[in-house]
Amino acid sequence: MEWIDTHCHLDEESFTQDCAETIQRAVDAGVKTMLAVGITLDSCRRVVELAERYPSVYAILGLHPNYVSAAQPGDWDQIVALMRTPKVVGVGETGLDKYWDYAPIELQRDYFDRHIELSRQLDLPFVVHCREAEPETLEVLRMHAATGPLRGLMHAFCGTAETAAACLEMGMHLSFGGMITFKKNDAQRELSATLPLDRLLVETDSPYLAPTPFRGKRNEPAHVRLTAACLAETRGVSKEDVAAATTRNARLLFRLPVGD
C-alpha cells in the first residue's frame, strides 16, 4: 500500500534533530509522498529547502491566518516569488481562525482572498485552515465559487455535515487527520463514512494531533496510515481501498507525479 501525507510541518523545531530519519520512517511505512506546508515566509523557505533535498517531499506555501499580523512588508511578494520554485504544488495554508484570534478577521479574510486568487493565477490548489469560523469561511468560498468550481482542500476537516456538503458542491476536497481516531470523536467518524471516497484525502498535520495510540506525543508522517486505517474501518472497506483512493485523489488534486 502507498500513502500520501497531504499536510505536515516538517520544518517545525521538533523535527530539527531527526528530520531525515522521520522522512525515512515514513517512506519505509509506505508514505511515499509528504506535502510540507509553510506558514510564514521563513517557514516557506525551509519547506522549499526540504523539497529540494528529499525526493519524497513537496512544498505548499502560504501565510497561515494566525501569522498574517506578524507578516512584514514584502513577505507576501517573496512568498509569491517562491511559488515558482520546482516542487511547489499548492497555496496555503490559508483561511480563517477565530479560536486563537491572533489577527483581525478582516486581515485574515484579505489574505484568504489573496491565496485563492493566487491559486487561480498559478493553477495550483489552495489549502484551507478553518477553526471556529465555518460560516465566514463558507462565505469566502462561495464568493470565489461564483466564478467557477474551486480547486481546494479543507485541511484537517472537523466541520459539520452541512459544511462538508457545501464544500463538496463547490468542488472542494476534504482531508482527515488523527482527530478522527480519538475515542470521543464519533460524530466525525460517522460523517467521514458518508462522504464520497473520491473526494477524501488523509494527513497528519504533524508534529500535531497524533492519532491513537500516539495521542499526546509528537506526530509524524508515518502515522498517516493509522488515520487511514480508522477511515477504512469506519467505512467498512479495506485499507487497500482507502490507500488507493486517497493516494489517487491526492495525485490528481496536487498533480503529483506517479511513482514518487
Protein backbone atom coordinates (compact mmCIF):
# COMPACT_ATOMS: atom_id res chain seq x y z
CA MET A 1 0.00 0.00 0.00
CA GLU A 2 1.08 3.55 -0.74
CA TRP A 3 0.03 6.60 1.24
CA ILE A 4 0.36 10.36 0.79
CA ASP A 5 0.53 12.64 3.81
CA THR A 6 -1.10 15.73 2.35
CA HIS A 7 -0.28 18.06 5.25
CA CYS A 8 2.74 18.05 7.54
CA HIS A 9 5.05 20.66 9.05
CA LEU A 10 8.45 19.03 8.66
CA ASP A 11 10.21 22.36 9.15
CA GLU A 12 8.98 22.65 12.76
CA GLU A 13 11.59 22.77 15.51
CA SER A 14 10.54 19.37 16.87
CA PHE A 15 11.94 17.74 13.70
CA THR A 16 15.24 19.63 13.72
CA GLN A 17 17.29 16.78 15.17
CA ASP A 18 15.84 13.88 13.19
CA CYS A 19 14.10 15.19 10.07
CA ALA A 20 15.94 12.81 7.73
CA GLU A 21 15.13 9.83 9.95
CA THR A 22 11.48 10.90 10.22
CA ILE A 23 11.16 11.09 6.45
CA GLN A 24 12.83 7.70 6.03
CA ARG A 25 10.49 6.10 8.59
CA ALA A 26 7.56 7.42 6.60
CA VAL A 27 8.91 6.08 3.32
CA ASP A 28 9.61 2.71 4.94
CA ALA A 29 6.00 2.66 6.18
CA GLY A 30 4.65 3.23 2.66
CA VAL A 31 4.21 7.01 2.88
CA LYS A 32 5.96 7.72 -0.39
CA THR A 33 4.99 11.39 -0.63
CA MET A 34 4.76 14.13 2.00
CA LEU A 35 3.43 17.63 1.40
CA ALA A 36 5.30 20.03 3.71
CA VAL A 37 3.34 23.20 4.45
CA GLY A 38 4.88 26.62 5.03
CA ILE A 39 3.09 29.07 7.33
CA THR A 40 5.38 32.16 7.31
CA LEU A 41 7.99 33.45 4.89
CA ASP A 42 10.80 31.77 6.83
CA SER A 43 8.79 28.56 7.09
CA CYS A 44 8.12 28.63 3.34
CA ARG A 45 11.83 28.96 2.67
CA ARG A 46 12.52 25.96 4.89
CA VAL A 47 9.94 23.68 3.26
CA VAL A 48 11.26 24.60 -0.18
CA GLU A 49 14.72 23.54 1.01
CA LEU A 50 13.28 20.26 2.30
CA ALA A 51 11.55 19.62 -1.02
CA GLU A 52 14.82 20.23 -2.84
CA ARG A 53 16.71 17.90 -0.50
CA TYR A 54 14.30 14.94 -0.27
CA PRO A 55 12.68 13.31 -3.32
CA SER A 56 9.60 12.30 -1.32
CA VAL A 57 8.83 15.84 -0.09
CA TYR A 58 6.86 18.53 -1.94
CA ALA A 59 6.00 22.04 -0.75
CA ILE A 60 2.83 24.05 -0.16
CA LEU A 61 3.46 27.74 0.51
CA GLY A 62 1.44 30.45 2.18
CA LEU A 63 0.75 32.63 5.22
CA HIS A 64 -1.23 30.91 7.96
CA PRO A 65 -4.13 33.09 9.18
CA ASN A 66 -2.68 33.15 12.68
CA TYR A 67 0.50 34.81 11.39
CA VAL A 68 -0.77 37.41 8.93
CA SER A 69 -0.48 40.20 11.53
CA ALA A 70 3.19 39.39 12.02
CA ALA A 71 3.98 39.46 8.30
CA GLN A 72 6.49 42.13 7.34
CA PRO A 73 6.14 44.40 4.29
CA GLY A 74 7.27 42.40 1.30
CA ASP A 75 6.73 38.96 2.88
CA TRP A 76 3.75 38.17 0.66
CA ASP A 77 5.57 39.19 -2.51
CA GLN A 78 8.51 36.96 -1.57
CA ILE A 79 6.20 34.02 -0.94
CA VAL A 80 4.58 34.60 -4.33
CA ALA A 81 8.04 34.56 -5.91
CA LEU A 82 8.85 31.27 -4.15
CA MET A 83 5.75 29.72 -5.75
CA ARG A 84 7.71 29.41 -8.99
CA THR A 85 10.15 27.03 -7.32
CA PRO A 86 10.10 23.43 -8.60
CA LYS A 87 8.12 21.01 -6.41
CA VAL A 88 5.74 23.67 -5.08
CA VAL A 89 2.33 22.03 -5.57
CA GLY A 90 -0.12 24.17 -3.60
CA VAL A 91 -1.02 27.50 -1.99
CA GLY A 92 -1.64 27.80 1.75
CA GLU A 93 -2.41 27.08 4.32
CA THR A 94 -4.84 29.95 4.36
CA GLY A 95 -8.28 30.51 5.83
CA LEU A 96 -9.86 31.85 8.99
CA ASP A 97 -9.23 31.16 12.68
CA LYS A 98 -11.50 32.70 15.34
CA TYR A 99 -10.31 30.35 18.09
CA TRP A 100 -6.89 31.90 18.68
CA ASP A 101 -7.82 35.33 17.32
CA TYR A 102 -4.20 36.25 16.70
CA ALA A 103 -5.12 38.50 13.76
CA PRO A 104 -8.13 40.68 12.94
CA ILE A 105 -10.67 38.69 10.99
CA GLU A 106 -10.70 41.36 8.26
CA LEU A 107 -6.95 40.90 7.72
CA GLN A 108 -7.32 37.12 7.74
CA ARG A 109 -10.01 37.42 5.10
CA ASP A 110 -7.88 39.73 2.96
CA TYR A 111 -5.11 37.12 2.87
CA PHE A 112 -7.63 34.32 2.35
CA ASP A 113 -8.82 36.11 -0.78
CA ARG A 114 -5.22 36.65 -1.92
CA HIS A 115 -4.38 32.95 -1.59
CA ILE A 116 -7.44 31.82 -3.56
CA GLU A 117 -6.80 34.38 -6.29
CA LEU A 118 -3.15 33.31 -6.45
CA SER A 119 -4.16 29.67 -6.72
CA ARG A 120 -6.27 30.50 -9.75
CA GLN A 121 -3.46 32.53 -11.33
CA LEU A 122 -0.93 29.72 -10.86
CA ASP A 123 -3.39 26.86 -11.43
CA LEU A 124 -2.46 25.32 -8.08
CA PRO A 125 -4.88 24.04 -5.40
CA PHE A 126 -5.31 26.01 -2.20
CA VAL A 127 -5.38 24.54 1.32
CA VAL A 128 -7.86 25.89 3.88
CA HIS A 129 -7.46 26.16 7.66
CA CYS A 130 -10.81 26.72 9.38
CA ARG A 131 -11.20 26.90 13.14
CA GLU A 132 -14.46 28.08 14.71
CA ALA A 133 -15.15 30.11 11.57
CA GLU A 134 -17.28 27.87 9.36
CA PRO A 135 -19.92 30.45 8.34
CA GLU A 136 -17.29 33.05 7.49
CA THR A 137 -15.15 30.50 5.62
CA LEU A 138 -18.11 29.33 3.55
CA GLU A 139 -18.97 32.93 2.73
CA VAL A 140 -15.49 33.48 1.26
CA LEU A 141 -15.54 30.19 -0.62
CA ARG A 142 -18.99 30.84 -2.08
CA MET A 143 -17.90 34.26 -3.31
CA HIS A 144 -14.98 32.73 -5.21
CA ALA A 145 -17.03 29.73 -6.38
CA ALA A 146 -19.40 32.13 -8.12
CA THR A 147 -16.87 32.35 -10.94
CA GLY A 148 -16.31 28.60 -11.23
CA PRO A 149 -15.64 25.40 -9.27
CA LEU A 150 -12.94 25.61 -6.62
CA ARG A 151 -9.76 23.55 -6.67
CA GLY A 152 -9.02 23.38 -2.99
CA LEU A 153 -8.73 21.25 0.12
CA MET A 154 -10.32 21.64 3.55
CA HIS A 155 -7.38 20.65 5.74
CA ALA A 156 -7.97 18.58 8.91
CA PHE A 157 -11.70 18.76 8.35
CA CYS A 158 -13.71 18.76 11.56
CA GLY A 159 -16.80 20.65 10.47
CA THR A 160 -20.47 19.82 10.19
CA ALA A 161 -22.23 17.70 7.61
CA GLU A 162 -23.74 20.89 6.17
CA THR A 163 -20.30 22.47 5.75
CA ALA A 164 -18.96 19.29 4.16
CA ALA A 165 -21.84 19.21 1.68
CA ALA A 166 -21.35 22.87 0.78
CA CYS A 167 -17.63 22.40 0.22
CA LEU A 168 -18.16 19.34 -1.94
CA GLU A 169 -20.76 21.18 -4.01
CA MET A 170 -18.22 23.93 -4.71
CA GLY A 171 -15.64 21.38 -5.90
CA MET A 172 -13.53 21.15 -2.76
CA HIS A 173 -11.82 18.05 -1.35
CA LEU A 174 -11.78 17.17 2.35
CA SER A 175 -8.82 15.85 4.33
CA PHE A 176 -8.98 13.95 7.61
CA GLY A 177 -6.26 13.74 10.23
CA GLY A 178 -5.62 11.99 13.50
CA MET A 179 -8.60 13.56 15.24
CA ILE A 180 -10.98 11.01 13.73
CA THR A 181 -9.17 8.29 15.72
CA PHE A 182 -9.90 9.99 19.06
CA LYS A 183 -12.24 7.96 21.25
CA LYS A 184 -14.87 10.68 21.70
CA ASN A 185 -14.95 11.77 18.06
CA ASP A 186 -17.80 9.52 16.94
CA ALA A 187 -19.52 12.34 15.07
CA GLN A 188 -16.55 12.95 12.77
CA ARG A 189 -16.09 9.24 12.13
CA GLU A 190 -19.76 8.90 11.25
CA LEU A 191 -19.55 11.90 8.93
CA SER A 192 -16.43 10.58 7.21
CA ALA A 193 -18.29 7.38 6.35
CA THR A 194 -20.95 9.29 4.42
CA LEU A 195 -18.67 11.34 2.16
CA PRO A 196 -17.67 10.32 -1.38
CA LEU A 197 -14.38 8.45 -1.28
CA ASP A 198 -13.17 10.12 -4.46
CA ARG A 199 -13.05 13.49 -2.65
CA LEU A 200 -11.23 12.40 0.54
CA LEU A 201 -7.55 12.71 1.47
CA VAL A 202 -5.57 11.87 4.61
CA GLU A 203 -2.96 13.84 6.50
CA THR A 204 -1.09 14.05 9.79
CA ASP A 205 -0.65 17.81 10.43
CA SER A 206 2.50 16.56 12.16
CA PRO A 207 4.01 17.28 14.59
CA TYR A 208 0.49 17.99 15.91
CA LEU A 209 -2.61 15.89 16.56
CA ALA A 210 -1.06 12.42 16.64
CA PRO A 211 -3.61 9.65 16.15
CA THR A 212 -4.43 6.99 18.70
CA PRO A 213 -2.36 5.25 20.14
CA PHE A 214 0.22 8.06 19.89
CA ARG A 215 -2.09 10.84 21.08
CA GLY A 216 -0.17 13.38 23.18
CA LYS A 217 3.14 12.50 21.54
CA ARG A 218 4.87 14.02 18.54
CA ASN A 219 3.07 13.17 15.34
CA GLU A 220 4.96 12.28 12.17
CA PRO A 221 4.09 11.37 8.56
CA ALA A 222 4.45 7.62 9.11
CA HIS A 223 1.32 7.79 11.30
CA VAL A 224 -0.94 8.79 8.41
CA ARG A 225 -1.66 5.11 7.80
CA LEU A 226 -3.34 4.91 11.24
CA THR A 227 -5.78 7.65 10.33
CA ALA A 228 -6.43 5.92 7.01
CA ALA A 229 -6.99 2.59 8.79
CA CYS A 230 -9.60 4.25 11.01
CA LEU A 231 -11.26 5.74 7.95
CA ALA A 232 -11.34 2.30 6.31
CA GLU A 233 -12.83 0.63 9.37
CA THR A 234 -15.48 3.32 9.73
CA ARG A 235 -16.48 2.99 6.08
CA GLY A 236 -16.40 -0.80 6.15
CA VAL A 237 -13.86 -1.10 3.37
CA SER A 238 -10.30 -2.39 3.17
CA LYS A 239 -7.22 -0.34 3.98
CA GLU A 240 -6.07 -1.12 0.45
CA ASP A 241 -9.17 0.57 -0.96
CA VAL A 242 -8.62 3.68 1.15
CA ALA A 243 -4.91 3.76 0.32
CA ALA A 244 -5.60 3.51 -3.41
CA ALA A 245 -8.38 6.10 -3.39
CA THR A 246 -6.76 8.74 -1.19
CA THR A 247 -3.43 8.40 -2.99
CA ARG A 248 -5.13 8.75 -6.36
CA ASN A 249 -7.14 11.74 -5.12
CA ALA A 250 -4.02 13.49 -3.81
CA ARG A 251 -2.11 12.89 -7.03
CA LEU A 252 -4.95 14.32 -9.10
CA LEU A 253 -5.57 17.34 -6.87
CA PHE A 254 -1.92 18.34 -6.49
CA ARG A 255 -0.82 16.93 -9.86
CA LEU A 256 1.88 14.83 -8.27
CA PRO A 257 3.95 12.57 -10.49
CA VAL A 258 3.20 8.88 -10.27
CA GLY A 259 5.85 6.73 -8.66
CA ASP A 260 7.37 9.19 -6.17
